[in-house]
Amino acid sequence: MFDTLNDQIRAGEKETTTSKEKILRWAMVLLVTALMFLGFYLLPTLG
């Protein structure tokens, strides 16, 4: 597979992502974060 950590890092750097994939990833992160905080905010009122 890979010989060293440096080989793994180089292989990871070769994988490029498109701007659409980056935007989608950040949108999902923001959505999950917003849902978590909303859940923490509403949880005491539901209990």
PDB file of N, CA and C in Angstrom:
ATOM      1  N   MET A   1       0.841  -1.178   0.000  1.00  0.00           N
ATOM      2  CA  MET A   1       0.000   0.000   0.000  1.00  0.00           C
ATOM      3  C   MET A   1       0.892   1.249   0.000  1.00  0.00           C
ATOM      4  N   PHE A   2       1.096   1.895   1.159  1.00  0.00           N
ATOM      5  CA  PHE A   2       1.986   3.042   1.237  1.00  0.00           C
ATOM      6  C   PHE A   2       3.183   2.675   2.089  1.00  0.00           C
ATOM      7  N   ASP A   3       4.334   3.204   1.710  1.00  0.00           N
ATOM      8  CA  ASP A   3       5.541   2.900   2.466  1.00  0.00           C
ATOM      9  C   ASP A   3       5.667   3.757   3.717  1.00  0.00           C
ATOM     10  N   THR A   4       5.460   5.044   3.570  1.00  0.00           N
ATOM     11  CA  THR A   4       5.678   5.958   4.694  1.00  0.00           C
ATOM     12  C   THR A   4       4.517   6.920   4.814  1.00  0.00           C
ATOM     13  N   LEU A   5       4.535   7.683   5.903  1.00  0.00           N
ATOM     14  CA  LEU A   5       3.520   8.714   6.102  1.00  0.00           C
ATOM     15  C   LEU A   5       3.609   9.775   5.014  1.00  0.00           C
ATOM     16  N   ASN A   6       4.820  10.106   4.591  1.00  0.00           N
ATOM     17  CA  ASN A   6       4.989  11.093   3.528  1.00  0.00           C
ATOM     18  C   ASN A   6       4.332  10.638   2.232  1.00  0.00           C
ATOM     19  N   ASP A   7       4.402   9.352   1.938  1.00  0.00           N
ATOM     20  CA  ASP A   7       3.741   8.827   0.748  1.00  0.00           C
ATOM     21  C   ASP A   7       2.227   8.982   0.857  1.00  0.00           C
ATOM     22  N   GLN A   8       1.687   8.747   2.039  1.00  0.00           N
ATOM     23  CA  GLN A   8       0.245   8.911   2.246  1.00  0.00           C
ATOM     24  C   GLN A   8      -0.155  10.370   2.086  1.00  0.00           C
ATOM     25  N   ILE A   9       0.650  11.281   2.619  1.00  0.00           N
ATOM     26  CA  ILE A   9       0.337  12.708   2.515  1.00  0.00           C
ATOM     27  C   ILE A   9       0.369  13.142   1.055  1.00  0.00           C
ATOM     28  N   ARG A  10       1.382  12.701   0.317  1.00  0.00           N
ATOM     29  CA  ARG A  10       1.466  13.059  -1.101  1.00  0.00           C
ATOM     30  C   ARG A  10       0.279  12.506  -1.880  1.00  0.00           C
ATOM     31  N   ALA A  11      -0.123  11.294  -1.569  1.00  0.00           N
ATOM     32  CA  ALA A  11      -1.265  10.693  -2.262  1.00  0.00           C
ATOM     33  C   ALA A  11      -2.541  11.455  -1.937  1.00  0.00           C
ATOM     34  N   GLY A  12      -2.686  11.917  -0.703  1.00  0.00           N
ATOM     35  CA  GLY A  12      -3.858  12.688  -0.323  1.00  0.00           C
ATOM     36  C   GLY A  12      -3.903  14.046  -0.978  1.00  0.00           C
ATOM     37  N   GLU A  13      -2.746  14.648  -1.197  1.00  0.00           N
ATOM     38  CA  GLU A  13      -2.696  15.965  -1.831  1.00  0.00           C
ATOM     39  C   GLU A  13      -3.051  15.892  -3.308  1.00  0.00           C
ATOM     40  N   LYS A  14      -2.864  14.744  -3.918  1.00  0.00           N
ATOM     41  CA  LYS A  14      -3.163  14.607  -5.344  1.00  0.00           C
ATOM     42  C   LYS A  14      -4.661  14.568  -5.595  1.00  0.00           C
ATOM     43  N   GLU A  15      -5.438  14.165  -4.604  1.00  0.00           N
ATOM     44  CA  GLU A  15      -6.887  14.129  -4.763  1.00  0.00           C
ATOM     45  C   GLU A  15      -7.420  15.559  -4.704  1.00  0.00           C
ATOM     46  N   THR A  16      -7.946  16.026  -5.809  1.00  0.00           N
ATOM     47  CA  THR A  16      -8.465  17.383  -5.856  1.00  0.00           C
ATOM     48  C   THR A  16      -9.985  17.343  -5.798  1.00  0.00           C
ATOM     49  N   THR A  17     -10.553  18.331  -5.144  1.00  0.00           N
ATOM     50  CA  THR A  17     -12.003  18.436  -5.071  1.00  0.00           C
ATOM     51  C   THR A  17     -12.439  19.675  -5.836  1.00  0.00           C
ATOM     52  N   THR A  18     -13.606  19.606  -6.397  1.00  0.00           N
ATOM     53  CA  THR A  18     -14.119  20.748  -7.143  1.00  0.00           C
ATOM     54  C   THR A  18     -14.712  21.762  -6.177  1.00  0.00           C
ATOM     55  N   SER A  19     -14.925  22.963  -6.659  1.00  0.00           N
ATOM     56  CA  SER A  19     -15.499  24.003  -5.802  1.00  0.00           C
ATOM     57  C   SER A  19     -16.924  23.635  -5.403  1.00  0.00           C
ATOM     58  N   LYS A  20     -17.635  22.919  -6.268  1.00  0.00           N
ATOM     59  CA  LYS A  20     -18.994  22.485  -5.939  1.00  0.00           C
ATOM     60  C   LYS A  20     -18.972  21.520  -4.750  1.00  0.00           C
ATOM     61  N   GLU A  21     -18.005  20.612  -4.735  1.00  0.00           N
ATOM     62  CA  GLU A  21     -17.896  19.671  -3.621  1.00  0.00           C
ATOM     63  C   GLU A  21     -17.548  20.394  -2.323  1.00  0.00           C
ATOM     64  N   LYS A  22     -16.671  21.396  -2.403  1.00  0.00           N
ATOM     65  CA  LYS A  22     -16.301  22.158  -1.207  1.00  0.00           C
ATOM     66  C   LYS A  22     -17.499  22.919  -0.655  1.00  0.00           C
ATOM     67  N   ILE A  23     -18.268  23.543  -1.546  1.00  0.00           N
ATOM     68  CA  ILE A  23     -19.450  24.295  -1.123  1.00  0.00           C
ATOM     69  C   ILE A  23     -20.468  23.354  -0.498  1.00  0.00           C
ATOM     70  N   LEU A  24     -20.674  22.206  -1.106  1.00  0.00           N
ATOM     71  CA  LEU A  24     -21.626  21.234  -0.574  1.00  0.00           C
ATOM     72  C   LEU A  24     -21.188  20.733   0.796  1.00  0.00           C
ATOM     73  N   ARG A  25     -19.893  20.479   0.955  1.00  0.00           N
ATOM     74  CA  ARG A  25     -19.386  20.008   2.246  1.00  0.00           C
ATOM     75  C   ARG A  25     -19.596  21.060   3.325  1.00  0.00           C
ATOM     76  N   TRP A  26     -19.283  22.332   3.030  1.00  0.00           N
ATOM     77  CA  TRP A  26     -19.467  23.395   4.023  1.00  0.00           C
ATOM     78  C   TRP A  26     -20.941  23.621   4.323  1.00  0.00           C
ATOM     79  N   ALA A  27     -21.797  23.482   3.319  1.00  0.00           N
ATOM     80  CA  ALA A  27     -23.232  23.638   3.550  1.00  0.00           C
ATOM     81  C   ALA A  27     -23.742  22.546   4.484  1.00  0.00           C
ATOM     82  N   MET A  28     -23.269  21.331   4.308  1.00  0.00           N
ATOM     83  CA  MET A  28     -23.686  20.237   5.182  1.00  0.00           C
ATOM     84  C   MET A  28     -23.175  20.451   6.603  1.00  0.00           C
ATOM     85  N   VAL A  29     -21.947  20.934   6.736  1.00  0.00           N
ATOM     86  CA  VAL A  29     -21.393  21.211   8.064  1.00  0.00           C
ATOM     87  C   VAL A  29     -22.217  22.284   8.763  1.00  0.00           C
ATOM     88  N   LEU A  30     -22.548  23.344   8.047  1.00  0.00           N
ATOM     89  CA  LEU A  30     -23.352  24.416   8.642  1.00  0.00           C
ATOM     90  C   LEU A  30     -24.748  23.923   9.012  1.00  0.00           C
ATOM     91  N   LEU A  31     -25.340  23.093   8.175  1.00  0.00           N
ATOM     92  CA  LEU A  31     -26.671  22.565   8.459  1.00  0.00           C
ATOM     93  C   LEU A  31     -26.666  21.685   9.714  1.00  0.00           C
ATOM     94  N   VAL A  32     -25.699  20.792   9.805  1.00  0.00           N
ATOM     95  CA  VAL A  32     -25.616  19.912  10.970  1.00  0.00           C
ATOM     96  C   VAL A  32     -25.353  20.724  12.230  1.00  0.00           C
ATOM     97  N   THR A  33     -24.471  21.713  12.137  1.00  0.00           N
ATOM     98  CA  THR A  33     -24.178  22.558  13.293  1.00  0.00           C
ATOM     99  C   THR A  33     -25.419  23.328  13.739  1.00  0.00           C
ATOM    100  N   ALA A  34     -26.152  23.899  12.791  1.00  0.00           N
ATOM    101  CA  ALA A  34     -27.360  24.645  13.127  1.00  0.00           C
ATOM    102  C   ALA A  34     -28.403  23.732  13.768  1.00  0.00           C
ATOM    103  N   LEU A  35     -28.558  22.526  13.242  1.00  0.00           N
ATOM    104  CA  LEU A  35     -29.520  21.591  13.825  1.00  0.00           C
ATOM    105  C   LEU A  35     -29.118  21.171  15.234  1.00  0.00           C
ATOM    106  N   MET A  36     -27.822  20.997  15.462  1.00  0.00           N
ATOM    107  CA  MET A  36     -27.362  20.626  16.801  1.00  0.00           C
ATOM    108  C   MET A  36     -27.654  21.743  17.800  1.00  0.00           C
ATOM    109  N   PHE A  37     -27.293  22.980  17.446  1.00  0.00           N
ATOM    110  CA  PHE A  37     -27.533  24.083  18.365  1.00  0.00           C
ATOM    111  C   PHE A  37     -29.021  24.322  18.581  1.00  0.00           C
ATOM    112  N   LEU A  38     -29.817  24.164  17.536  1.00  0.00           N
ATOM    113  CA  LEU A  38     -31.257  24.301  17.681  1.00  0.00           C
ATOM    114  C   LEU A  38     -31.803  23.221  18.607  1.00  0.00           C
ATOM    115  N   GLY A  39     -31.291  22.007  18.468  1.00  0.00           N
ATOM    116  CA  GLY A  39     -31.710  20.934  19.345  1.00  0.00           C
ATOM    117  C   GLY A  39     -31.333  21.195  20.792  1.00  0.00           C
ATOM    118  N   PHE A  40     -30.138  21.692  21.030  1.00  0.00           N
ATOM    119  CA  PHE A  40     -29.717  22.010  22.394  1.00  0.00           C
ATOM    120  C   PHE A  40     -30.539  23.157  22.972  1.00  0.00           C
ATOM    121  N   TYR A  41     -30.974  24.065  22.115  1.00  0.00           N
ATOM    122  CA  TYR A  41     -31.764  25.209  22.576  1.00  0.00           C
ATOM    123  C   TYR A  41     -33.190  24.769  22.937  1.00  0.00           C
ATOM    124  N   LEU A  42     -33.758  23.885  22.121  1.00  0.00           N
ATOM    125  CA  LEU A  42     -35.148  23.469  22.321  1.00  0.00           C
ATOM    126  C   LEU A  42     -35.292  22.322  23.317  1.00  0.00           C
ATOM    127  N   LEU A  43     -34.238  21.591  23.570  1.00  0.00           N
ATOM    128  CA  LEU A  43     -34.337  20.435  24.439  1.00  0.00           C
ATOM    129  C   LEU A  43     -34.840  20.761  25.835  1.00  0.00           C
ATOM    130  N   PRO A  44     -34.359  21.814  26.501  1.00  0.00           N
ATOM    131  CA  PRO A  44     -34.884  22.108  27.849  1.00  0.00           C
ATOM    132  C   PRO A  44     -36.374  22.495  27.841  1.00  0.00           C
ATOM    133  N   THR A  45     -36.860  23.108  26.770  1.00  0.00           N
ATOM    134  CA  THR A  45     -38.262  23.508  26.723  1.00  0.00           C
ATOM    135  C   THR A  45     -39.177  22.308  26.489  1.00  0.00           C
ATOM    136  N   LEU A  46     -38.665  21.262  25.845  1.00  0.00           N
ATOM    137  CA  LEU A  46     -39.494  20.092  25.585  1.00  0.00           C
ATOM    138  C   LEU A  46     -39.556  19.166  26.796  1.00  0.00           C
ATOM    139  N   GLY A  47     -38.539  19.231  27.652  1.00  0.00           N
ATOM    140  CA  GLY A  47     -38.489  18.343  28.798  1.00  0.00           C
ATOM    141  C   GLY A  47     -39.301  18.878  29.926  1.00  0.00           C
TER     142      GLY A  47
END
